[in-house]
Amino acid sequence: QVQPVESGGGLVQAGGSLRLSCMFSGRTGYYGMGWFRQAPGKEREFVAAISRSTFYSDAVNGRFTISRDTAKNTVYLQMNTLKPEDTAVYYCAVKVGLITTTTARLPRVYDYWGQGTQVTVSS
């Protein structure tokens, strides 16, 4: 069973940085990974994904960077210039197979989800 586990969330002041990590075990073969977030009272929204390419939402493009260490089955999300509106629970997701421009933003295409890590940005 594949179980992604996120880490690295916390409280930071606006303008600061955090790096989230997500590691999973139990899977071989090609996979893509993505980050989503959900703020209170809002739907889960796409943040970034990585496969053969990287994909970003407009809200984070230029501030966040997604990367991966394939040997460690780990994906990272470097978040810079954080804003209060970035406050949310951040979820890591794993998709078996390729992620494309069409599918990156769709939660339903991902096969495994982590439990989430809280990111709070104070103003």
C-alpha atoms as a PDB file:
ATOM      1  CA  GLN A   1       0.000   0.000   0.000  1.00  0.00           C
ATOM      2  CA  VAL A   2       1.334   3.406  -0.982  1.00  0.00           C
ATOM      3  CA  GLN A   3       1.024   6.016   1.742  1.00  0.00           C
ATOM      4  CA  PRO A   4       2.452   9.475   1.138  1.00  0.00           C
ATOM      5  CA  VAL A   5       3.580  11.288   4.280  1.00  0.00           C
ATOM      6  CA  GLU A   6       3.972  15.060   4.329  1.00  0.00           C
ATOM      7  CA  SER A   7       6.218  17.084   6.614  1.00  0.00           C
ATOM      8  CA  GLY A   8       7.531  20.611   6.947  1.00  0.00           C
ATOM      9  CA  GLY A   9       4.405  22.624   7.629  1.00  0.00           C
ATOM     10  CA  GLY A  10       4.244  25.277  10.321  1.00  0.00           C
ATOM     11  CA  LEU A  11       3.704  28.917  11.156  1.00  0.00           C
ATOM     12  CA  VAL A  12       5.594  31.603   9.271  1.00  0.00           C
ATOM     13  CA  GLN A  13       5.296  35.349   8.821  1.00  0.00           C
ATOM     14  CA  ALA A  14       4.263  36.856   5.519  1.00  0.00           C
ATOM     15  CA  GLY A  15       7.243  37.095   3.192  1.00  0.00           C
ATOM     16  CA  GLY A  16       8.897  34.081   4.752  1.00  0.00           C
ATOM     17  CA  SER A  17       9.651  30.629   3.371  1.00  0.00           C
ATOM     18  CA  LEU A  18       8.866  27.006   4.119  1.00  0.00           C
ATOM     19  CA  ARG A  19       9.798  23.741   2.470  1.00  0.00           C
ATOM     20  CA  LEU A  20       7.355  20.870   2.448  1.00  0.00           C
ATOM     21  CA  SER A  21       8.428  17.294   1.867  1.00  0.00           C
ATOM     22  CA  CYS A  22       6.437  14.247   0.885  1.00  0.00           C
ATOM     23  CA  MET A  23       7.830  10.744   0.944  1.00  0.00           C
ATOM     24  CA  PHE A  24       6.170   7.460   0.146  1.00  0.00           C
ATOM     25  CA  SER A  25       7.129   3.823  -0.033  1.00  0.00           C
ATOM     26  CA  GLY A  26       5.632   0.709  -1.547  1.00  0.00           C
ATOM     27  CA  ARG A  27       5.660   1.673  -5.182  1.00  0.00           C
ATOM     28  CA  THR A  28       7.917   1.000  -8.109  1.00  0.00           C
ATOM     29  CA  GLY A  29       7.534   2.145 -11.645  1.00  0.00           C
ATOM     30  CA  TYR A  30       6.885   5.596 -13.042  1.00  0.00           C
ATOM     31  CA  TYR A  31       4.746   8.016 -11.092  1.00  0.00           C
ATOM     32  CA  GLY A  32       4.013  11.702 -10.832  1.00  0.00           C
ATOM     33  CA  MET A  33       3.430  13.722  -7.686  1.00  0.00           C
ATOM     34  CA  GLY A  34       1.422  16.781  -6.911  1.00  0.00           C
ATOM     35  CA  TRP A  35       0.572  19.238  -4.164  1.00  0.00           C
ATOM     36  CA  PHE A  36      -2.898  20.515  -3.413  1.00  0.00           C
ATOM     37  CA  ARG A  37      -4.174  22.733  -0.630  1.00  0.00           C
ATOM     38  CA  GLN A  38      -7.436  23.363   1.125  1.00  0.00           C
ATOM     39  CA  ALA A  39      -8.301  26.406   3.180  1.00  0.00           C
ATOM     40  CA  PRO A  40     -11.246  26.427   5.652  1.00  0.00           C
ATOM     41  CA  GLY A  41     -14.542  26.678   3.823  1.00  0.00           C
ATOM     42  CA  LYS A  42     -12.933  26.291   0.407  1.00  0.00           C
ATOM     43  CA  GLU A  43     -12.510  23.473  -2.065  1.00  0.00           C
ATOM     44  CA  ARG A  44      -9.243  21.654  -2.490  1.00  0.00           C
ATOM     45  CA  GLU A  45      -7.159  23.439  -5.098  1.00  0.00           C
ATOM     46  CA  PHE A  46      -4.180  22.520  -7.203  1.00  0.00           C
ATOM     47  CA  VAL A  47      -0.808  24.010  -6.268  1.00  0.00           C
ATOM     48  CA  ALA A  48       1.917  22.239  -8.256  1.00  0.00           C
ATOM     49  CA  ALA A  49       2.817  18.925  -9.846  1.00  0.00           C
ATOM     50  CA  ILE A  50       5.834  17.204 -11.284  1.00  0.00           C
ATOM     51  CA  SER A  51       6.165  14.464 -13.854  1.00  0.00           C
ATOM     52  CA  ARG A  52       8.325  14.851 -16.929  1.00  0.00           C
ATOM     53  CA  SER A  53       7.469  18.539 -16.600  1.00  0.00           C
ATOM     54  CA  THR A  54       6.466  20.807 -13.771  1.00  0.00           C
ATOM     55  CA  PHE A  55       3.102  22.499 -13.439  1.00  0.00           C
ATOM     56  CA  TYR A  56       2.022  25.390 -11.231  1.00  0.00           C
ATOM     57  CA  SER A  57      -1.153  27.233 -10.423  1.00  0.00           C
ATOM     58  CA  ASP A  58      -1.238  30.912 -11.297  1.00  0.00           C
ATOM     59  CA  ALA A  59      -1.489  31.719  -7.588  1.00  0.00           C
ATOM     60  CA  VAL A  60       1.941  30.266  -6.777  1.00  0.00           C
ATOM     61  CA  ASN A  61       3.831  30.459 -10.071  1.00  0.00           C
ATOM     62  CA  GLY A  62       7.086  32.291  -9.515  1.00  0.00           C
ATOM     63  CA  ARG A  63       6.979  31.855  -5.725  1.00  0.00           C
ATOM     64  CA  PHE A  64       6.822  28.080  -5.252  1.00  0.00           C
ATOM     65  CA  THR A  65       9.132  25.440  -6.721  1.00  0.00           C
ATOM     66  CA  ILE A  66       8.386  21.731  -6.912  1.00  0.00           C
ATOM     67  CA  SER A  67      11.204  19.218  -7.191  1.00  0.00           C
ATOM     68  CA  ARG A  68      11.732  15.527  -6.634  1.00  0.00           C
ATOM     69  CA  ASP A  69      14.337  12.998  -5.559  1.00  0.00           C
ATOM     70  CA  THR A  70      13.364   9.879  -7.441  1.00  0.00           C
ATOM     71  CA  ALA A  71      15.802   7.650  -5.580  1.00  0.00           C
ATOM     72  CA  LYS A  72      14.120   8.614  -2.299  1.00  0.00           C
ATOM     73  CA  ASN A  73      10.530   8.644  -3.625  1.00  0.00           C
ATOM     74  CA  THR A  74      10.306  12.164  -2.274  1.00  0.00           C
ATOM     75  CA  VAL A  75       8.889  15.395  -3.629  1.00  0.00           C
ATOM     76  CA  TYR A  76       9.552  18.852  -2.231  1.00  0.00           C
ATOM     77  CA  LEU A  77       7.662  22.110  -2.372  1.00  0.00           C
ATOM     78  CA  GLN A  78       9.800  25.163  -1.715  1.00  0.00           C
ATOM     79  CA  MET A  79       7.496  28.024  -0.837  1.00  0.00           C
ATOM     80  CA  ASN A  80       8.924  31.535  -0.894  1.00  0.00           C
ATOM     81  CA  THR A  81       7.388  34.966  -0.406  1.00  0.00           C
ATOM     82  CA  LEU A  82       4.499  33.417   1.460  1.00  0.00           C
ATOM     83  CA  LYS A  83       1.252  35.336   1.791  1.00  0.00           C
ATOM     84  CA  PRO A  84      -1.594  35.022   4.322  1.00  0.00           C
ATOM     85  CA  GLU A  85      -3.763  33.627   1.524  1.00  0.00           C
ATOM     86  CA  ASP A  86      -1.382  30.662   1.253  1.00  0.00           C
ATOM     87  CA  THR A  87      -2.677  29.489   4.629  1.00  0.00           C
ATOM     88  CA  ALA A  88      -4.169  26.029   4.169  1.00  0.00           C
ATOM     89  CA  VAL A  89      -3.697  22.339   4.745  1.00  0.00           C
ATOM     90  CA  TYR A  90      -1.311  21.116   2.073  1.00  0.00           C
ATOM     91  CA  TYR A  91      -1.772  17.633   0.673  1.00  0.00           C
ATOM     92  CA  CYS A  92       0.643  15.496  -1.281  1.00  0.00           C
ATOM     93  CA  ALA A  93      -0.729  13.177  -3.960  1.00  0.00           C
ATOM     94  CA  VAL A  94       0.774  10.423  -6.064  1.00  0.00           C
ATOM     95  CA  LYS A  95      -0.372   9.458  -9.524  1.00  0.00           C
ATOM     96  CA  VAL A  96       0.648   6.160 -11.086  1.00  0.00           C
ATOM     97  CA  GLY A  97       1.923   7.032 -14.543  1.00  0.00           C
ATOM     98  CA  LEU A  98       2.445  10.299 -16.340  1.00  0.00           C
ATOM     99  CA  ILE A  99       0.950  13.647 -15.340  1.00  0.00           C
ATOM    100  CA  THR A 100       0.064  15.919 -18.232  1.00  0.00           C
ATOM    101  CA  THR A 101      -0.982  19.520 -18.655  1.00  0.00           C
ATOM    102  CA  THR A 102      -4.568  18.320 -18.896  1.00  0.00           C
ATOM    103  CA  THR A 103      -4.547  16.122 -15.804  1.00  0.00           C
ATOM    104  CA  ALA A 104      -2.206  17.890 -13.366  1.00  0.00           C
ATOM    105  CA  ARG A 105      -4.921  20.064 -11.828  1.00  0.00           C
ATOM    106  CA  LEU A 106      -7.521  17.329 -11.364  1.00  0.00           C
ATOM    107  CA  PRO A 107      -7.641  15.746  -7.880  1.00  0.00           C
ATOM    108  CA  ARG A 108      -9.526  12.726  -9.231  1.00  0.00           C
ATOM    109  CA  VAL A 109      -6.616  11.503 -11.358  1.00  0.00           C
ATOM    110  CA  TYR A 110      -4.341  11.009  -8.363  1.00  0.00           C
ATOM    111  CA  ASP A 111      -4.248   7.565  -6.811  1.00  0.00           C
ATOM    112  CA  TYR A 112      -2.854   8.102  -3.316  1.00  0.00           C
ATOM    113  CA  TRP A 113      -3.126  11.001  -0.880  1.00  0.00           C
ATOM    114  CA  GLY A 114      -1.316  12.024   2.267  1.00  0.00           C
ATOM    115  CA  GLN A 115      -2.978  13.205   5.464  1.00  0.00           C
ATOM    116  CA  GLY A 116      -1.952  16.813   4.975  1.00  0.00           C
ATOM    117  CA  THR A 117       0.249  19.317   6.776  1.00  0.00           C
ATOM    118  CA  GLN A 118      -0.874  22.705   8.053  1.00  0.00           C
ATOM    119  CA  VAL A 119       0.748  25.857   6.719  1.00  0.00           C
ATOM    120  CA  THR A 120      -0.176  29.102   8.442  1.00  0.00           C
ATOM    121  CA  VAL A 121       1.088  32.466   7.212  1.00  0.00           C
ATOM    122  CA  SER A 122       0.595  35.377   9.584  1.00  0.00           C
ATOM    123  CA  SER A 123       0.276  38.955   8.372  1.00  0.00           C
END
